Amino acid sequence: MCPHCHSTDHLIKRGTYRRPSDRKKIQRFHCKKCNKGHSSQTHSYDYRQRKRHINQMVFRLYSKGNSERAIAQIIGVNKKTIARRVTPFANCARKHLEKMRAETADITEIVFDEMESFEHTKLKPLTIPLAVEKHTRKILAYDVGEIAAKGPLARLSIKKYGKIKCQRRKVLDSLFRQLHHVAHPRCNFSSDESPHYPGTLRRYFKDAQHQQFKGRSASIVGQGEMKKGGFDPLFSLNQTAAMIRDNIKRLTRRTWCTTKRIDRLSDYLAIYAFYHNQII
């Protein structure tokens, strides 16, 4: 497809060229409708990247608990080179996740809940609703949204940043929309006893079963996501959430790497979700 006029019926081949970074032969095209040219590389996720040989290593280091600065020091490149790869990698990962959801259907057991983080400061908390398949622990859907601060931080948050609009309902709607074509109409959903879940779930899955379990104290190990002793009915999700916290540096407990932009946190979640589903 022509990137300028989006035509598909007026393209003709017009020579090739050797890509300087790896000497690979790239096909050129010419659009007779808009009279502009492009190549097969134009639509690639690594368009205009010069150091393509580091992409696989960077992708793995992104998903194994390394910060952007640490990755740059390990590979020996400028940190801007690493930062520029987040968005292209995330867009590629989202396409794979959408393809996975399109090829998966009639899942009968799903566990979902919310993780919490913050943007720049604890006065600006974030909610991360997450849904996983119970038996395989594959990440099916996620989203990120703002919520209001709670407890002693609420008054300080309003004083410094004003009233923050809660996006919990919006991101929960987004989560269940992503699950709509994946889950069986009579799927068995499991979650904790949050009052926000039953109403939203019924709007998308009227015939589904919803089991809610009382929340329990977190253990010291497991990034605070794993629960103390005994059988945990939400183990699949809590195990996955603990792995996310351990493998995404900005979500790790007691770290100085914090999220400065919500969209960048969403990019990292997409990258890790694709990696997680491949290795699980």
Protein backbone atom coordinates (compact mmCIF):
# COMPACT_ATOMS: atom_id res chain seq x y z
CA MET A 1 0.00 0.00 0.00
CA CYS A 2 1.25 3.46 -0.88
CA PRO A 3 2.04 5.35 2.37
CA HIS A 4 1.12 8.67 0.75
CA CYS A 5 -2.27 8.08 -0.92
CA HIS A 6 -3.01 4.57 0.48
CA SER A 7 -3.59 3.17 -2.99
CA THR A 8 -3.03 -0.52 -3.68
CA ASP A 9 -3.89 -0.72 -7.41
CA HIS A 10 -1.42 1.77 -8.88
CA LEU A 11 1.94 0.46 -7.65
CA ILE A 12 4.74 -0.63 -9.96
CA LYS A 13 8.26 -1.86 -9.15
CA ARG A 14 11.04 0.64 -9.78
CA GLY A 15 14.46 -0.84 -9.09
CA THR A 16 16.22 -1.86 -5.90
CA TYR A 17 18.90 -0.52 -3.59
CA ARG A 18 21.34 -1.94 -1.05
CA ARG A 19 20.60 -0.98 2.54
CA PRO A 20 23.81 0.48 4.01
CA SER A 21 23.39 -1.04 7.50
CA ASP A 22 23.40 -4.71 6.41
CA ARG A 23 23.73 -4.64 2.59
CA LYS A 24 20.31 -6.25 2.15
CA LYS A 25 18.59 -5.69 -1.21
CA ILE A 26 15.38 -3.61 -0.83
CA GLN A 27 12.67 -3.30 -3.51
CA ARG A 28 11.55 0.20 -4.55
CA PHE A 29 7.99 1.01 -5.69
CA HIS A 30 6.39 3.90 -7.56
CA CYS A 31 2.76 4.97 -7.21
CA LYS A 32 1.26 6.13 -10.51
CA LYS A 33 -1.65 7.76 -8.68
CA CYS A 34 0.24 10.26 -6.52
CA ASN A 35 3.54 10.03 -8.45
CA LYS A 36 5.55 9.32 -5.29
CA GLY A 37 7.90 6.52 -4.38
CA HIS A 38 8.57 4.26 -1.41
CA SER A 39 10.17 0.91 -0.66
CA SER A 40 9.26 -2.36 1.03
CA GLN A 41 11.18 -1.11 4.08
CA THR A 42 8.80 1.86 4.55
CA HIS A 43 6.18 -0.27 6.34
CA SER A 44 8.68 -2.16 8.52
CA TYR A 45 8.97 -1.61 12.29
CA ASP A 46 12.73 -0.95 11.89
CA TYR A 47 12.26 1.77 9.24
CA ARG A 48 15.26 4.15 9.20
CA GLN A 49 17.10 2.24 11.93
CA ARG A 50 20.83 1.91 11.36
CA LYS A 51 21.78 -0.62 14.05
CA ARG A 52 19.27 -3.37 13.31
CA HIS A 53 21.62 -6.06 14.56
CA ILE A 54 20.95 -5.04 18.19
CA ASN A 55 17.14 -5.27 17.97
CA GLN A 56 16.76 -8.85 19.21
CA MET A 57 19.06 -8.25 22.17
CA VAL A 58 17.32 -4.97 23.06
CA PHE A 59 13.90 -6.64 22.91
CA ARG A 60 15.01 -9.37 25.34
CA LEU A 61 16.67 -6.91 27.73
CA TYR A 62 13.51 -4.75 27.73
CA SER A 63 11.61 -7.79 29.00
CA LYS A 64 14.11 -8.92 31.64
CA GLY A 65 14.10 -6.11 34.18
CA ASN A 66 16.61 -3.68 32.65
CA SER A 67 16.26 0.08 32.42
CA GLU A 68 16.92 1.94 29.16
CA ARG A 69 20.17 3.39 30.52
CA ALA A 70 21.36 -0.07 31.65
CA ILE A 71 20.58 -1.59 28.22
CA ALA A 72 22.56 1.18 26.52
CA GLN A 73 25.55 0.51 28.79
CA ILE A 74 25.37 -3.27 28.24
CA ILE A 75 25.23 -3.03 24.44
CA GLY A 76 27.52 0.00 24.19
CA VAL A 77 25.25 2.50 22.39
CA ASN A 78 23.70 5.86 23.21
CA LYS A 79 20.62 5.69 25.46
CA LYS A 80 18.61 7.60 22.81
CA THR A 81 19.21 4.67 20.43
CA ILE A 82 17.47 2.41 22.97
CA ALA A 83 14.65 4.86 23.76
CA ARG A 84 13.73 5.24 20.07
CA ARG A 85 13.02 1.52 19.80
CA VAL A 86 10.30 1.36 22.45
CA THR A 87 7.41 2.62 20.30
CA PRO A 88 8.23 0.55 17.14
CA PHE A 89 8.69 -2.58 19.24
CA ALA A 90 5.41 -1.92 21.08
CA ASN A 91 3.46 -1.41 17.84
CA CYS A 92 4.85 -4.70 16.52
CA ALA A 93 4.01 -6.47 19.81
CA ARG A 94 0.42 -5.13 19.76
CA LYS A 95 -0.11 -6.55 16.27
CA HIS A 96 1.06 -9.97 17.49
CA LEU A 97 -1.23 -9.76 20.53
CA GLU A 98 -4.21 -8.84 18.32
CA LYS A 99 -3.35 -11.75 16.02
CA MET A 100 -3.15 -14.07 19.04
CA ARG A 101 -6.58 -12.93 20.25
CA ALA A 102 -8.02 -13.34 16.75
CA GLU A 103 -6.75 -16.93 16.57
CA THR A 104 -7.90 -17.78 20.11
CA ALA A 105 -11.56 -18.36 20.88
CA ASP A 106 -13.91 -19.89 23.45
CA ILE A 107 -11.62 -19.61 26.48
CA THR A 108 -13.59 -20.98 29.41
CA GLU A 109 -11.63 -19.71 32.43
CA ILE A 110 -10.16 -16.22 32.82
CA VAL A 111 -8.70 -14.51 35.89
CA PHE A 112 -8.58 -10.71 36.06
CA ASP A 113 -7.65 -8.05 38.57
CA GLU A 114 -5.88 -4.68 38.81
CA MET A 115 -2.28 -3.83 39.52
CA GLU A 116 -1.34 -0.37 40.78
CA SER A 117 1.60 1.87 39.98
CA PHE A 118 2.15 5.61 39.70
CA GLU A 119 3.17 8.29 37.22
CA HIS A 120 6.23 10.21 38.42
CA THR A 121 4.97 10.41 42.01
CA LYS A 122 2.74 8.40 44.35
CA LEU A 123 0.36 11.37 44.35
CA LYS A 124 -0.60 10.36 40.77
CA PRO A 125 -1.48 6.64 40.98
CA LEU A 126 -2.28 4.42 38.00
CA THR A 127 -4.42 1.32 37.65
CA ILE A 128 -3.42 -1.54 35.34
CA PRO A 129 -6.30 -4.00 34.79
CA LEU A 130 -4.95 -7.35 33.64
CA ALA A 131 -6.60 -10.54 32.36
CA VAL A 132 -4.88 -13.92 31.96
CA GLU A 133 -5.97 -17.38 30.90
CA LYS A 134 -6.20 -19.46 34.07
CA HIS A 135 -4.37 -22.62 33.01
CA THR A 136 -1.74 -21.30 30.58
CA ARG A 137 -1.18 -17.92 32.31
CA LYS A 138 -1.06 -16.20 28.92
CA ILE A 139 -1.74 -12.46 29.04
CA LEU A 140 -4.96 -11.84 27.09
CA ALA A 141 -5.59 -8.14 27.69
CA TYR A 142 -4.43 -5.13 29.70
CA ASP A 143 -4.82 -1.35 29.87
CA VAL A 144 -3.54 1.63 31.86
CA GLY A 145 -5.50 4.51 33.39
CA GLU A 146 -5.37 7.20 36.05
CA ILE A 147 -7.08 6.91 39.43
CA ALA A 148 -7.36 9.21 42.43
CA ALA A 149 -4.92 8.91 45.32
CA LYS A 150 -6.16 7.14 48.44
CA GLY A 151 -5.65 7.50 52.17
CA PRO A 152 -3.31 10.19 53.55
CA LEU A 153 -2.04 11.00 50.04
CA ALA A 154 -5.49 12.04 48.74
CA ARG A 155 -5.45 15.53 50.28
CA LEU A 156 -1.86 16.17 49.19
CA SER A 157 -2.63 15.01 45.65
CA ILE A 158 -5.60 17.37 45.29
CA LYS A 159 -3.60 20.27 46.74
CA LYS A 160 -0.67 19.81 44.34
CA TYR A 161 -2.23 18.44 41.14
CA GLY A 162 -5.94 19.19 41.49
CA LYS A 163 -8.71 16.68 41.25
CA ILE A 164 -7.71 13.73 39.05
CA LYS A 165 -10.45 12.16 36.95
CA CYS A 166 -10.72 8.45 37.71
CA GLN A 167 -10.38 6.30 34.57
CA ARG A 168 -11.02 2.94 36.23
CA ARG A 169 -14.37 2.37 34.50
CA LYS A 170 -12.93 3.39 31.14
CA VAL A 171 -9.99 0.96 31.31
CA LEU A 172 -12.19 -1.87 32.60
CA ASP A 173 -14.48 -1.33 29.61
CA SER A 174 -11.42 -1.48 27.37
CA LEU A 175 -10.27 -4.71 29.05
CA PHE A 176 -13.59 -6.50 28.50
CA ARG A 177 -13.86 -5.24 24.92
CA GLN A 178 -10.51 -6.90 24.21
CA LEU A 179 -11.83 -10.12 25.77
CA HIS A 180 -15.18 -10.01 23.98
CA HIS A 181 -14.14 -12.16 21.00
CA VAL A 182 -11.76 -14.36 23.00
CA ALA A 183 -13.87 -15.59 25.91
CA HIS A 184 -16.71 -18.10 25.66
CA PRO A 185 -20.14 -16.50 26.31
CA ARG A 186 -20.44 -18.69 29.42
CA CYS A 187 -16.83 -18.19 30.49
CA ASN A 188 -15.98 -18.49 34.18
CA PHE A 189 -14.37 -15.25 35.38
CA SER A 190 -12.48 -15.03 38.70
CA SER A 191 -11.42 -11.88 40.55
CA ASP A 192 -11.19 -10.37 44.01
CA GLU A 193 -14.14 -8.70 45.74
CA SER A 194 -13.77 -5.26 44.17
CA PRO A 195 -17.22 -3.62 43.78
CA HIS A 196 -16.20 -2.18 40.39
CA TYR A 197 -16.13 -5.53 38.59
CA PRO A 198 -19.63 -7.15 38.58
CA GLY A 199 -21.51 -4.35 36.81
CA THR A 200 -18.89 -3.82 34.11
CA LEU A 201 -18.55 -7.55 33.49
CA ARG A 202 -22.32 -8.02 33.04
CA ARG A 203 -22.45 -5.39 30.31
CA TYR A 204 -20.17 -7.50 28.12
CA PHE A 205 -20.80 -11.07 29.31
CA LYS A 206 -24.41 -11.47 30.41
CA ASP A 207 -24.28 -15.27 30.61
CA ALA A 208 -20.83 -15.58 32.17
CA GLN A 209 -20.15 -16.82 35.68
CA HIS A 210 -18.24 -14.53 38.03
CA GLN A 211 -16.53 -15.84 41.15
CA GLN A 212 -15.13 -13.32 43.61
CA PHE A 213 -12.63 -14.22 46.33
CA LYS A 214 -11.68 -12.24 49.40
CA GLY A 215 -8.33 -10.47 49.16
CA ARG A 216 -5.48 -11.76 51.31
CA SER A 217 -2.30 -10.35 52.79
CA ALA A 218 0.68 -10.27 50.44
CA SER A 219 3.84 -12.23 51.16
CA ILE A 220 7.25 -10.60 51.41
CA VAL A 221 8.51 -12.49 48.35
CA GLY A 222 6.81 -12.28 44.95
CA GLN A 223 6.97 -8.47 44.59
CA GLY A 224 4.04 -8.13 46.99
CA GLU A 225 1.69 -9.80 44.49
CA MET A 226 1.93 -13.36 45.83
CA LYS A 227 -0.22 -14.22 48.86
CA LYS A 228 0.74 -15.70 52.24
CA GLY A 229 0.34 -19.49 52.60
CA GLY A 230 -2.48 -21.80 51.59
CA PHE A 231 -4.32 -22.24 48.31
CA ASP A 232 -4.68 -19.07 46.20
CA PRO A 233 -7.64 -19.22 43.74
CA LEU A 234 -6.15 -16.24 41.86
CA PHE A 235 -2.66 -17.73 41.66
CA SER A 236 -2.49 -17.57 37.84
CA LEU A 237 -2.98 -13.82 37.81
CA ASN A 238 -0.89 -13.07 40.91
CA GLN A 239 2.02 -15.12 39.52
CA THR A 240 1.82 -13.23 36.23
CA ALA A 241 1.58 -9.87 37.99
CA ALA A 242 4.67 -10.72 40.07
CA MET A 243 6.55 -11.60 36.87
CA ILE A 244 5.49 -8.30 35.29
CA ARG A 245 6.76 -6.35 38.29
CA ASP A 246 10.04 -8.25 38.25
CA ASN A 247 10.62 -7.91 34.50
CA ILE A 248 9.53 -4.32 33.86
CA LYS A 249 11.99 -2.09 35.70
CA ARG A 250 9.62 0.83 36.26
CA LEU A 251 7.07 -1.45 37.97
CA THR A 252 9.54 -3.13 40.32
CA ARG A 253 8.96 -2.49 44.01
CA ARG A 254 11.46 -0.04 45.55
CA THR A 255 13.03 1.21 42.32
CA TRP A 256 14.11 4.67 41.26
CA CYS A 257 12.92 3.99 37.68
CA THR A 258 9.46 5.57 37.48
CA THR A 259 6.94 6.09 34.71
CA LYS A 260 6.97 9.61 33.27
CA ARG A 261 4.39 8.95 30.54
CA ILE A 262 1.36 6.65 30.63
CA ASP A 263 1.63 5.79 26.94
CA ARG A 264 5.23 4.66 27.42
CA LEU A 265 4.19 2.37 30.27
CA SER A 266 1.54 0.90 27.95
CA ASP A 267 4.28 0.32 25.35
CA TYR A 268 6.40 -1.58 27.84
CA LEU A 269 3.43 -3.70 28.89
CA ALA A 270 2.80 -4.61 25.22
CA ILE A 271 6.44 -5.62 24.74
CA TYR A 272 6.47 -7.75 27.87
CA ALA A 273 3.06 -9.33 27.17
CA PHE A 274 4.29 -10.53 23.76
CA TYR A 275 7.54 -11.84 25.27
CA HIS A 276 5.69 -13.49 28.17
CA ASN A 277 3.25 -15.30 25.87
CA GLN A 278 6.11 -16.59 23.73
CA ILE A 279 8.14 -18.12 26.58
CA ILE A 280 5.39 -19.21 29.01
